[in-house]
Amino acid sequence: MNSLKNISFLLIASMALLLASCGGQKNLAKDKELAYTGLDNALLWKIEGTGMTVPSYLYGTIHIINDKDYFLPTGTLSAMDEASDIVFEIDMSDMSDMSNVMGLMSAAVMKDGKSLKDLVTQEEYDMISDHFNKMGLPLFLFEKMKPMFLTVFASSDFDPQGLQNGSLKSYEMEFMEIAEQSGKTVAGLETIEYQMSIFDSIPYEDQAKMLVETIKTSDMGSDQFKQMVEVYKSQDIDAMVTMIGEDEQGLGDFEDVMLNNRNENWIPIMKEMMGFKTVFFAVGAGHLAGPKGVIHLLRKEGYTLTPVKSQKI
């Protein structure tokens, strides 16, 4: 049961990482209604204003990180303690329902019986197979999975057993454990089904190209994920957006459906949740910055967002 939950979360995490890392937000200097200015280095932001009787909080996560790199800025735990609700991109409590877990794993499989061999050259397939074999993950077990879900596993540092042996941590799973222990209400800004449906709009051929480029980059020792972790540890969320925008593997043609539209969809949901109770929102840090990021979109709605600047703990 726990193994299935971990596998399913890795699928969700790979999906979330890719949703937050494709494309990149352009035109950082101007917005018609409110000029965008660079943000302070902070992962935790306090939300106030527009009739709110109590503040809420917004935290930028990285969905999977090595245990040695995991940290919480001071103020994070007190903000969570203050909140009555912990809200993620999806409702993490759904992962306790095995029917949801099995449905997620089923939805990760390509339609029409397609396999990776149908999408790449033999040379590319051999390269991918060699890469996964070195990781102890025989490719035949995954070759019918949508290529974008394989991309996170292609990291040279990825440990398939990491969530079980503790070498990998998930901010969402850590926060979920805190929420359960303290009796917090848990909710999501969107459903698993919605996130899964996004990938149906991206041709498998494009997904396969991204996988191939990720492995080429990883094998050259310049793994983008490593760089992203270092930027994340500096809490420089503007730099994360810049880095994402410069990513040659990004799927700019799908930027709106994968990132911008989702940010916009979240704003009315967040507004409804906030106001008379304190809510702690935890979403991927790639969603926070930029003129189409959650922070700027909330400011356009009249909210005041203040960085909770602190040291790491």
C-alpha atoms as a PDB file:
ATOM      1  CA  MET A   1       0.000   0.000   0.000  1.00  0.00           C
ATOM      2  CA  ASN A   2       2.679   2.516   0.995  1.00  0.00           C
ATOM      3  CA  SER A   3       4.767   1.520  -2.019  1.00  0.00           C
ATOM      4  CA  LEU A   4       1.840   2.186  -4.356  1.00  0.00           C
ATOM      5  CA  LYS A   5       1.216   5.538  -2.683  1.00  0.00           C
ATOM      6  CA  ASN A   6       4.869   6.483  -3.111  1.00  0.00           C
ATOM      7  CA  ILE A   7       4.850   5.482  -6.778  1.00  0.00           C
ATOM      8  CA  SER A   8       1.644   7.404  -7.362  1.00  0.00           C
ATOM      9  CA  PHE A   9       3.064  10.455  -5.645  1.00  0.00           C
ATOM     10  CA  LEU A  10       6.165  10.305  -7.788  1.00  0.00           C
ATOM     11  CA  LEU A  11       3.875  10.357 -10.819  1.00  0.00           C
ATOM     12  CA  ILE A  12       2.074  13.389  -9.411  1.00  0.00           C
ATOM     13  CA  ALA A  13       5.371  15.046  -8.537  1.00  0.00           C
ATOM     14  CA  SER A  14       6.777  14.439 -12.006  1.00  0.00           C
ATOM     15  CA  MET A  15       3.612  15.900 -13.463  1.00  0.00           C
ATOM     16  CA  ALA A  16       3.766  18.917 -11.179  1.00  0.00           C
ATOM     17  CA  LEU A  17       7.452  19.533 -11.866  1.00  0.00           C
ATOM     18  CA  LEU A  18       6.865  19.451 -15.583  1.00  0.00           C
ATOM     19  CA  LEU A  19       3.733  21.590 -15.418  1.00  0.00           C
ATOM     20  CA  ALA A  20       5.707  24.214 -13.531  1.00  0.00           C
ATOM     21  CA  SER A  21       8.779  24.001 -15.744  1.00  0.00           C
ATOM     22  CA  CYS A  22       7.449  24.101 -19.280  1.00  0.00           C
ATOM     23  CA  GLY A  23       7.617  27.321 -21.222  1.00  0.00           C
ATOM     24  CA  GLY A  24       8.352  30.241 -18.964  1.00  0.00           C
ATOM     25  CA  GLN A  25       6.691  33.536 -18.255  1.00  0.00           C
ATOM     26  CA  LYS A  26       7.560  36.288 -20.690  1.00  0.00           C
ATOM     27  CA  ASN A  27       7.273  40.081 -20.606  1.00  0.00           C
ATOM     28  CA  LEU A  28       8.404  40.407 -17.002  1.00  0.00           C
ATOM     29  CA  ALA A  29       8.661  44.190 -17.110  1.00  0.00           C
ATOM     30  CA  LYS A  30       5.075  45.273 -17.769  1.00  0.00           C
ATOM     31  CA  ASP A  31       1.469  44.426 -17.106  1.00  0.00           C
ATOM     32  CA  LYS A  32      -1.405  46.553 -18.392  1.00  0.00           C
ATOM     33  CA  GLU A  33      -3.083  46.980 -15.020  1.00  0.00           C
ATOM     34  CA  LEU A  34      -0.233  46.738 -12.550  1.00  0.00           C
ATOM     35  CA  ALA A  35       3.467  46.942 -13.271  1.00  0.00           C
ATOM     36  CA  TYR A  36       5.367  43.810 -12.286  1.00  0.00           C
ATOM     37  CA  THR A  37       8.354  44.367 -10.052  1.00  0.00           C
ATOM     38  CA  GLY A  38      10.946  41.829  -9.003  1.00  0.00           C
ATOM     39  CA  LEU A  39      10.153  39.835  -5.895  1.00  0.00           C
ATOM     40  CA  ASP A  40      12.197  39.473  -2.724  1.00  0.00           C
ATOM     41  CA  ASN A  41      13.882  36.127  -2.129  1.00  0.00           C
ATOM     42  CA  ALA A  42      11.284  34.273  -0.083  1.00  0.00           C
ATOM     43  CA  LEU A  43       9.296  31.074  -0.321  1.00  0.00           C
ATOM     44  CA  LEU A  44       6.745  32.059   2.337  1.00  0.00           C
ATOM     45  CA  TRP A  45       4.383  34.997   1.703  1.00  0.00           C
ATOM     46  CA  LYS A  46       1.730  36.534   3.945  1.00  0.00           C
ATOM     47  CA  ILE A  47      -1.582  37.430   2.275  1.00  0.00           C
ATOM     48  CA  GLU A  48      -3.689  40.278   3.668  1.00  0.00           C
ATOM     49  CA  GLY A  49      -6.297  42.810   2.535  1.00  0.00           C
ATOM     50  CA  THR A  50      -9.592  43.073   0.618  1.00  0.00           C
ATOM     51  CA  GLY A  51     -11.792  42.490   3.654  1.00  0.00           C
ATOM     52  CA  MET A  52      -9.812  39.605   5.146  1.00  0.00           C
ATOM     53  CA  THR A  53     -10.247  39.380   8.912  1.00  0.00           C
ATOM     54  CA  VAL A  54      -7.189  37.141   9.327  1.00  0.00           C
ATOM     55  CA  PRO A  55      -4.126  36.626   7.115  1.00  0.00           C
ATOM     56  CA  SER A  56      -3.413  33.597   4.967  1.00  0.00           C
ATOM     57  CA  TYR A  57      -0.089  32.281   3.656  1.00  0.00           C
ATOM     58  CA  LEU A  58       1.372  31.163   0.329  1.00  0.00           C
ATOM     59  CA  TYR A  59       4.360  28.796   0.245  1.00  0.00           C
ATOM     60  CA  GLY A  60       6.358  27.758  -2.820  1.00  0.00           C
ATOM     61  CA  THR A  61       7.394  24.108  -2.790  1.00  0.00           C
ATOM     62  CA  ILE A  62       9.710  21.969  -4.843  1.00  0.00           C
ATOM     63  CA  HIS A  63       7.940  18.676  -5.218  1.00  0.00           C
ATOM     64  CA  ILE A  64      10.896  16.295  -4.801  1.00  0.00           C
ATOM     65  CA  ILE A  65      14.217  17.137  -3.176  1.00  0.00           C
ATOM     66  CA  ASN A  66      17.170  15.272  -1.694  1.00  0.00           C
ATOM     67  CA  ASP A  67      17.016  14.897   2.071  1.00  0.00           C
ATOM     68  CA  LYS A  68      20.264  16.847   2.490  1.00  0.00           C
ATOM     69  CA  ASP A  69      18.750  19.823   0.632  1.00  0.00           C
ATOM     70  CA  TYR A  70      15.402  19.855   2.424  1.00  0.00           C
ATOM     71  CA  PHE A  71      14.777  22.910   4.608  1.00  0.00           C
ATOM     72  CA  LEU A  72      11.997  25.110   5.964  1.00  0.00           C
ATOM     73  CA  PRO A  73      12.387  28.869   6.325  1.00  0.00           C
ATOM     74  CA  THR A  74      11.687  29.979   9.886  1.00  0.00           C
ATOM     75  CA  GLY A  75       8.081  31.024  10.188  1.00  0.00           C
ATOM     76  CA  THR A  76       6.783  28.180   8.040  1.00  0.00           C
ATOM     77  CA  LEU A  77       5.727  25.909  10.893  1.00  0.00           C
ATOM     78  CA  SER A  78       4.144  28.769  12.841  1.00  0.00           C
ATOM     79  CA  ALA A  79       2.199  29.804   9.726  1.00  0.00           C
ATOM     80  CA  MET A  80       0.944  26.243   9.310  1.00  0.00           C
ATOM     81  CA  ASP A  81       0.027  26.116  12.983  1.00  0.00           C
ATOM     82  CA  GLU A  82      -1.931  29.351  12.568  1.00  0.00           C
ATOM     83  CA  ALA A  83      -3.882  27.989   9.599  1.00  0.00           C
ATOM     84  CA  SER A  84      -7.088  25.988   9.845  1.00  0.00           C
ATOM     85  CA  ASP A  85      -6.753  24.645   6.274  1.00  0.00           C
ATOM     86  CA  ILE A  86      -3.766  23.339   4.329  1.00  0.00           C
ATOM     87  CA  VAL A  87      -4.388  23.576   0.591  1.00  0.00           C
ATOM     88  CA  PHE A  88      -2.230  21.917  -2.079  1.00  0.00           C
ATOM     89  CA  GLU A  89      -2.390  21.895  -5.869  1.00  0.00           C
ATOM     90  CA  ILE A  90      -4.404  18.706  -5.453  1.00  0.00           C
ATOM     91  CA  ASP A  91      -6.034  17.244  -2.353  1.00  0.00           C
ATOM     92  CA  MET A  92      -3.251  15.076  -0.941  1.00  0.00           C
ATOM     93  CA  SER A  93      -5.733  13.101   1.148  1.00  0.00           C
ATOM     94  CA  ASP A  94      -6.902  11.537  -2.111  1.00  0.00           C
ATOM     95  CA  MET A  95      -3.683   9.514  -2.027  1.00  0.00           C
ATOM     96  CA  SER A  96      -5.089   7.473   0.854  1.00  0.00           C
ATOM     97  CA  ASP A  97      -7.775   6.122  -1.492  1.00  0.00           C
ATOM     98  CA  MET A  98      -6.313   3.184  -3.403  1.00  0.00           C
ATOM     99  CA  SER A  99      -8.918   3.512  -6.137  1.00  0.00           C
ATOM    100  CA  ASN A 100      -7.543   6.998  -6.853  1.00  0.00           C
ATOM    101  CA  VAL A 101      -3.993   5.658  -6.766  1.00  0.00           C
ATOM    102  CA  MET A 102      -4.748   2.871  -9.225  1.00  0.00           C
ATOM    103  CA  GLY A 103      -6.694   5.261 -11.425  1.00  0.00           C
ATOM    104  CA  LEU A 104      -3.727   7.621 -11.529  1.00  0.00           C
ATOM    105  CA  MET A 105      -1.332   4.855 -12.523  1.00  0.00           C
ATOM    106  CA  SER A 106      -3.741   3.718 -15.225  1.00  0.00           C
ATOM    107  CA  ALA A 107      -4.091   7.266 -16.572  1.00  0.00           C
ATOM    108  CA  ALA A 108      -0.300   7.549 -16.895  1.00  0.00           C
ATOM    109  CA  VAL A 109      -0.343   4.936 -19.679  1.00  0.00           C
ATOM    110  CA  MET A 110      -0.454   6.078 -23.307  1.00  0.00           C
ATOM    111  CA  LYS A 111      -3.626   5.494 -25.285  1.00  0.00           C
ATOM    112  CA  ASP A 112      -4.083   3.315 -28.382  1.00  0.00           C
ATOM    113  CA  GLY A 113      -1.457   0.819 -27.238  1.00  0.00           C
ATOM    114  CA  LYS A 114       1.414   3.149 -28.071  1.00  0.00           C
ATOM    115  CA  SER A 115       4.848   2.558 -26.600  1.00  0.00           C
ATOM    116  CA  LEU A 116       8.047   4.563 -26.433  1.00  0.00           C
ATOM    117  CA  LYS A 117       9.463   2.610 -29.379  1.00  0.00           C
ATOM    118  CA  ASP A 118       6.780   4.180 -31.569  1.00  0.00           C
ATOM    119  CA  LEU A 119       7.967   7.697 -30.706  1.00  0.00           C
ATOM    120  CA  VAL A 120      11.769   7.662 -30.872  1.00  0.00           C
ATOM    121  CA  THR A 121      14.498   6.327 -33.114  1.00  0.00           C
ATOM    122  CA  GLN A 122      16.212   3.051 -32.267  1.00  0.00           C
ATOM    123  CA  GLU A 123      19.338   4.976 -31.283  1.00  0.00           C
ATOM    124  CA  GLU A 124      17.304   7.185 -28.927  1.00  0.00           C
ATOM    125  CA  TYR A 125      15.496   4.179 -27.497  1.00  0.00           C
ATOM    126  CA  ASP A 126      18.782   2.414 -26.770  1.00  0.00           C
ATOM    127  CA  MET A 127      20.090   5.557 -25.040  1.00  0.00           C
ATOM    128  CA  ILE A 128      16.954   5.810 -22.884  1.00  0.00           C
ATOM    129  CA  SER A 129      17.058   2.090 -22.098  1.00  0.00           C
ATOM    130  CA  ASP A 130      20.726   2.224 -21.065  1.00  0.00           C
ATOM    131  CA  HIS A 131      20.029   5.225 -18.852  1.00  0.00           C
ATOM    132  CA  PHE A 132      17.172   3.541 -16.992  1.00  0.00           C
ATOM    133  CA  ASN A 133      18.976   0.203 -16.747  1.00  0.00           C
ATOM    134  CA  LYS A 134      21.858   1.941 -14.946  1.00  0.00           C
ATOM    135  CA  MET A 135      19.283   3.204 -12.454  1.00  0.00           C
ATOM    136  CA  GLY A 136      17.942  -0.306 -11.873  1.00  0.00           C
ATOM    137  CA  LEU A 137      14.702   0.480 -13.731  1.00  0.00           C
ATOM    138  CA  PRO A 138      14.277  -1.836 -16.740  1.00  0.00           C
ATOM    139  CA  LEU A 139      12.624   0.262 -19.423  1.00  0.00           C
ATOM    140  CA  PHE A 140      10.224  -2.500 -20.527  1.00  0.00           C
ATOM    141  CA  LEU A 141       8.305  -1.872 -17.296  1.00  0.00           C
ATOM    142  CA  PHE A 142       7.655   1.758 -18.257  1.00  0.00           C
ATOM    143  CA  GLU A 143       7.776   1.979 -22.048  1.00  0.00           C
ATOM    144  CA  LYS A 144       3.992   2.354 -22.355  1.00  0.00           C
ATOM    145  CA  MET A 145       3.912   5.215 -19.854  1.00  0.00           C
ATOM    146  CA  LYS A 146       3.422   8.756 -21.151  1.00  0.00           C
ATOM    147  CA  PRO A 147       6.957  10.056 -21.777  1.00  0.00           C
ATOM    148  CA  MET A 148       6.555  13.171 -19.632  1.00  0.00           C
ATOM    149  CA  PHE A 149       6.120  11.001 -16.557  1.00  0.00           C
ATOM    150  CA  LEU A 150       9.459   9.364 -17.275  1.00  0.00           C
ATOM    151  CA  THR A 151      11.273  12.678 -17.453  1.00  0.00           C
ATOM    152  CA  VAL A 152      11.565  13.198 -13.687  1.00  0.00           C
ATOM    153  CA  PHE A 153      12.899   9.652 -13.316  1.00  0.00           C
ATOM    154  CA  ALA A 154      15.612  10.495 -15.856  1.00  0.00           C
ATOM    155  CA  SER A 155      17.461  12.697 -13.365  1.00  0.00           C
ATOM    156  CA  SER A 156      20.923  11.286 -12.683  1.00  0.00           C
ATOM    157  CA  ASP A 157      20.290  11.706  -8.941  1.00  0.00           C
ATOM    158  CA  PHE A 158      16.881  10.045  -8.867  1.00  0.00           C
ATOM    159  CA  ASP A 159      16.587   7.145  -6.406  1.00  0.00           C
ATOM    160  CA  PRO A 160      13.551   4.917  -7.096  1.00  0.00           C
ATOM    161  CA  GLN A 161      13.381   3.972  -3.400  1.00  0.00           C
ATOM    162  CA  GLY A 162      14.116   7.467  -2.154  1.00  0.00           C
ATOM    163  CA  LEU A 163      10.771   8.252  -0.531  1.00  0.00           C
ATOM    164  CA  GLN A 164      10.882   4.952   1.348  1.00  0.00           C
ATOM    165  CA  ASN A 165      14.466   5.073   2.566  1.00  0.00           C
ATOM    166  CA  GLY A 166      14.419   8.797   3.326  1.00  0.00           C
ATOM    167  CA  SER A 167      17.003   9.925   0.779  1.00  0.00           C
ATOM    168  CA  LEU A 168      14.282  11.915  -0.984  1.00  0.00           C
ATOM    169  CA  LYS A 169      11.699  14.173   0.584  1.00  0.00           C
ATOM    170  CA  SER A 170       8.492  15.703  -0.698  1.00  0.00           C
ATOM    171  CA  TYR A 171       7.330  19.018   0.719  1.00  0.00           C
ATOM    172  CA  GLU A 172       3.751  18.003   0.000  1.00  0.00           C
ATOM    173  CA  MET A 173       4.073  14.717   1.872  1.00  0.00           C
ATOM    174  CA  GLU A 174       5.861  16.405   4.783  1.00  0.00           C
ATOM    175  CA  PHE A 175       3.174  19.102   4.977  1.00  0.00           C
ATOM    176  CA  MET A 176       0.444  16.482   4.657  1.00  0.00           C
ATOM    177  CA  GLU A 177       1.872  14.615   7.636  1.00  0.00           C
ATOM    178  CA  ILE A 178       1.871  17.837   9.676  1.00  0.00           C
ATOM    179  CA  ALA A 179      -1.724  18.509   8.642  1.00  0.00           C
ATOM    180  CA  GLU A 180      -2.857  15.017   9.656  1.00  0.00           C
ATOM    181  CA  GLN A 181      -1.068  15.156  13.007  1.00  0.00           C
ATOM    182  CA  SER A 182      -2.599  18.535  13.857  1.00  0.00           C
ATOM    183  CA  GLY A 183      -6.089  17.800  12.571  1.00  0.00           C
ATOM    184  CA  LYS A 184      -6.041  20.424   9.800  1.00  0.00           C
ATOM    185  CA  THR A 185      -8.539  20.422   6.956  1.00  0.00           C
ATOM    186  CA  VAL A 186      -6.836  19.436   3.684  1.00  0.00           C
ATOM    187  CA  ALA A 187      -8.018  20.516   0.238  1.00  0.00           C
ATOM    188  CA  GLY A 188      -6.812  21.077  -3.327  1.00  0.00           C
ATOM    189  CA  LEU A 189      -6.971  23.868  -5.895  1.00  0.00           C
ATOM    190  CA  GLU A 190      -7.609  21.398  -8.688  1.00  0.00           C
ATOM    191  CA  THR A 191      -8.315  17.696  -9.118  1.00  0.00           C
ATOM    192  CA  ILE A 192      -5.972  14.890 -10.111  1.00  0.00           C
ATOM    193  CA  GLU A 193      -8.239  14.274 -13.100  1.00  0.00           C
ATOM    194  CA  TYR A 194      -7.757  17.841 -14.292  1.00  0.00           C
ATOM    195  CA  GLN A 195      -3.979  17.633 -14.004  1.00  0.00           C
ATOM    196  CA  MET A 196      -3.949  14.333 -15.867  1.00  0.00           C
ATOM    197  CA  SER A 197      -6.162  15.750 -18.629  1.00  0.00           C
ATOM    198  CA  ILE A 198      -3.602  18.465 -19.380  1.00  0.00           C
ATOM    199  CA  PHE A 199      -1.186  15.891 -20.748  1.00  0.00           C
ATOM    200  CA  ASP A 200      -3.751  14.609 -23.206  1.00  0.00           C
ATOM    201  CA  SER A 201      -3.372  17.914 -25.077  1.00  0.00           C
ATOM    202  CA  ILE A 202       0.366  17.414 -25.592  1.00  0.00           C
ATOM    203  CA  PRO A 203       1.389  15.107 -28.452  1.00  0.00           C
ATOM    204  CA  TYR A 204       3.308  12.064 -27.286  1.00  0.00           C
ATOM    205  CA  GLU A 205       6.010  12.882 -29.862  1.00  0.00           C
ATOM    206  CA  ASP A 206       6.691  16.204 -28.130  1.00  0.00           C
ATOM    207  CA  GLN A 207       6.764  14.496 -24.751  1.00  0.00           C
ATOM    208  CA  ALA A 208       9.285  11.969 -26.096  1.00  0.00           C
ATOM    209  CA  LYS A 209      11.531  14.770 -27.398  1.00  0.00           C
ATOM    210  CA  MET A 210      11.577  16.301 -23.932  1.00  0.00           C
ATOM    211  CA  LEU A 211      12.551  12.945 -22.397  1.00  0.00           C
ATOM    212  CA  VAL A 212      15.392  12.475 -24.881  1.00  0.00           C
ATOM    213  CA  GLU A 213      16.772  15.973 -24.246  1.00  0.00           C
ATOM    214  CA  THR A 214      16.532  15.517 -20.481  1.00  0.00           C
ATOM    215  CA  ILE A 215      18.585  12.322 -20.624  1.00  0.00           C
ATOM    216  CA  LYS A 216      21.184  13.880 -22.932  1.00  0.00           C
ATOM    217  CA  THR A 217      21.572  16.808 -20.543  1.00  0.00           C
ATOM    218  CA  SER A 218      21.643  14.570 -17.488  1.00  0.00           C
ATOM    219  CA  ASP A 219      24.278  12.283 -18.955  1.00  0.00           C
ATOM    220  CA  MET A 220      26.482  15.292 -19.689  1.00  0.00           C
ATOM    221  CA  GLY A 221      26.430  16.081 -15.965  1.00  0.00           C
ATOM    222  CA  SER A 222      24.570  19.409 -16.210  1.00  0.00           C
ATOM    223  CA  ASP A 223      21.291  18.211 -14.778  1.00  0.00           C
ATOM    224  CA  GLN A 224      18.818  21.112 -14.790  1.00  0.00           C
ATOM    225  CA  PHE A 225      17.116  19.780 -11.683  1.00  0.00           C
ATOM    226  CA  LYS A 226      20.322  20.175  -9.682  1.00  0.00           C
ATOM    227  CA  GLN A 227      20.511  23.792 -10.760  1.00  0.00           C
ATOM    228  CA  MET A 228      16.863  24.319  -9.900  1.00  0.00           C
ATOM    229  CA  VAL A 229      17.433  22.962  -6.387  1.00  0.00           C
ATOM    230  CA  GLU A 230      20.275  25.420  -5.795  1.00  0.00           C
ATOM    231  CA  VAL A 231      18.095  28.317  -6.959  1.00  0.00           C
ATOM    232  CA  TYR A 232      15.278  27.016  -4.768  1.00  0.00           C
ATOM    233  CA  LYS A 233      17.533  26.894  -1.709  1.00  0.00           C
ATOM    234  CA  SER A 234      18.382  30.550  -2.318  1.00  0.00           C
ATOM    235  CA  GLN A 235      14.603  31.230  -2.282  1.00  0.00           C
ATOM    236  CA  ASP A 236      14.994  33.322  -5.447  1.00  0.00           C
ATOM    237  CA  ILE A 237      11.641  32.628  -7.087  1.00  0.00           C
ATOM    238  CA  ASP A 238      12.210  35.238  -9.813  1.00  0.00           C
ATOM    239  CA  ALA A 239      15.401  33.413 -10.793  1.00  0.00           C
ATOM    240  CA  MET A 240      13.417  30.184 -10.959  1.00  0.00           C
ATOM    241  CA  VAL A 241      11.099  31.752 -13.543  1.00  0.00           C
ATOM    242  CA  THR A 242      14.089  33.071 -15.515  1.00  0.00           C
ATOM    243  CA  MET A 243      15.730  29.658 -15.427  1.00  0.00           C
ATOM    244  CA  ILE A 244      12.526  27.992 -16.567  1.00  0.00           C
ATOM    245  CA  GLY A 245      12.215  30.443 -19.449  1.00  0.00           C
ATOM    246  CA  GLU A 246      15.740  29.641 -20.611  1.00  0.00           C
ATOM    247  CA  ASP A 247      15.159  25.879 -20.486  1.00  0.00           C
ATOM    248  CA  GLU A 248      15.607  24.484 -23.980  1.00  0.00           C
ATOM    249  CA  GLN A 249      13.435  21.523 -23.032  1.00  0.00           C
ATOM    250  CA  GLY A 250      10.473  23.764 -22.229  1.00  0.00           C
ATOM    251  CA  LEU A 251       7.297  23.397 -24.251  1.00  0.00           C
ATOM    252  CA  GLY A 252       6.506  27.034 -24.901  1.00  0.00           C
ATOM    253  CA  ASP A 253       3.567  26.224 -27.184  1.00  0.00           C
ATOM    254  CA  PHE A 254       1.782  24.704 -24.184  1.00  0.00           C
ATOM    255  CA  GLU A 255       2.692  27.382 -21.648  1.00  0.00           C
ATOM    256  CA  ASP A 256      -0.832  28.708 -21.188  1.00  0.00           C
ATOM    257  CA  VAL A 257      -2.558  25.363 -20.685  1.00  0.00           C
ATOM    258  CA  MET A 258       0.222  23.983 -18.479  1.00  0.00           C
ATOM    259  CA  LEU A 259       0.980  26.994 -16.310  1.00  0.00           C
ATOM    260  CA  ASN A 260      -0.680  30.350 -16.870  1.00  0.00           C
ATOM    261  CA  ASN A 261      -4.281  29.180 -17.141  1.00  0.00           C
ATOM    262  CA  ARG A 262      -3.907  27.125 -13.996  1.00  0.00           C
ATOM    263  CA  ASN A 263      -2.594  30.113 -12.037  1.00  0.00           C
ATOM    264  CA  GLU A 264      -5.582  32.176 -13.172  1.00  0.00           C
ATOM    265  CA  ASN A 265      -7.995  29.366 -12.309  1.00  0.00           C
ATOM    266  CA  TRP A 266      -6.642  29.224  -8.758  1.00  0.00           C
ATOM    267  CA  ILE A 267      -7.265  32.898  -7.904  1.00  0.00           C
ATOM    268  CA  PRO A 268     -11.079  32.794  -7.465  1.00  0.00           C
ATOM    269  CA  ILE A 269     -10.743  29.526  -5.528  1.00  0.00           C
ATOM    270  CA  MET A 270      -8.156  31.056  -3.194  1.00  0.00           C
ATOM    271  CA  LYS A 271     -10.303  34.173  -2.730  1.00  0.00           C
ATOM    272  CA  GLU A 272     -13.267  32.041  -1.730  1.00  0.00           C
ATOM    273  CA  MET A 273     -11.200  29.993   0.718  1.00  0.00           C
ATOM    274  CA  MET A 274      -9.623  33.036   2.392  1.00  0.00           C
ATOM    275  CA  GLY A 275     -11.273  35.874   4.267  1.00  0.00           C
ATOM    276  CA  PHE A 276     -12.630  34.580   7.557  1.00  0.00           C
ATOM    277  CA  LYS A 277     -10.081  31.856   8.229  1.00  0.00           C
ATOM    278  CA  THR A 278      -6.352  31.401   7.795  1.00  0.00           C
ATOM    279  CA  VAL A 279      -5.356  29.158   4.917  1.00  0.00           C
ATOM    280  CA  PHE A 280      -1.865  27.864   4.148  1.00  0.00           C
ATOM    281  CA  PHE A 281      -1.475  27.361   0.392  1.00  0.00           C
ATOM    282  CA  ALA A 282       1.407  25.137  -0.747  1.00  0.00           C
ATOM    283  CA  VAL A 283       2.019  25.113  -4.518  1.00  0.00           C
ATOM    284  CA  GLY A 284       5.058  24.676  -6.725  1.00  0.00           C
ATOM    285  CA  ALA A 285       7.431  27.628  -6.441  1.00  0.00           C
ATOM    286  CA  GLY A 286       7.413  27.980 -10.231  1.00  0.00           C
ATOM    287  CA  HIS A 287       3.828  29.228  -9.951  1.00  0.00           C
ATOM    288  CA  LEU A 288       4.649  32.172  -7.665  1.00  0.00           C
ATOM    289  CA  ALA A 289       6.700  34.684  -9.666  1.00  0.00           C
ATOM    290  CA  GLY A 290       6.254  36.531 -12.942  1.00  0.00           C
ATOM    291  CA  PRO A 291       3.444  38.758 -14.229  1.00  0.00           C
ATOM    292  CA  LYS A 292       1.221  35.721 -14.634  1.00  0.00           C
ATOM    293  CA  GLY A 293       2.315  34.168 -11.333  1.00  0.00           C
ATOM    294  CA  VAL A 294       0.055  33.749  -8.333  1.00  0.00           C
ATOM    295  CA  ILE A 295       1.650  36.559  -6.305  1.00  0.00           C
ATOM    296  CA  HIS A 296       1.128  39.167  -9.016  1.00  0.00           C
ATOM    297  CA  LEU A 297      -2.370  37.900  -9.846  1.00  0.00           C
ATOM    298  CA  LEU A 298      -3.409  38.237  -6.183  1.00  0.00           C
ATOM    299  CA  ARG A 299      -1.907  41.724  -6.005  1.00  0.00           C
ATOM    300  CA  LYS A 300      -3.951  42.683  -9.058  1.00  0.00           C
ATOM    301  CA  GLU A 301      -7.025  41.610  -7.092  1.00  0.00           C
ATOM    302  CA  GLY A 302      -6.096  44.083  -4.354  1.00  0.00           C
ATOM    303  CA  TYR A 303      -4.380  41.756  -1.900  1.00  0.00           C
ATOM    304  CA  THR A 304      -1.161  42.685  -0.110  1.00  0.00           C
ATOM    305  CA  LEU A 305       1.490  39.977  -0.244  1.00  0.00           C
ATOM    306  CA  THR A 306       4.454  40.396   2.054  1.00  0.00           C
ATOM    307  CA  PRO A 307       7.524  38.124   2.021  1.00  0.00           C
ATOM    308  CA  VAL A 308       8.238  36.378   5.297  1.00  0.00           C
ATOM    309  CA  LYS A 309      12.005  36.773   5.056  1.00  0.00           C
ATOM    310  CA  SER A 310      13.949  34.517   7.355  1.00  0.00           C
ATOM    311  CA  GLN A 311      16.783  32.091   7.760  1.00  0.00           C
ATOM    312  CA  LYS A 312      16.564  28.421   6.913  1.00  0.00           C
ATOM    313  CA  ILE A 313      16.001  25.844   9.655  1.00  0.00           C
END
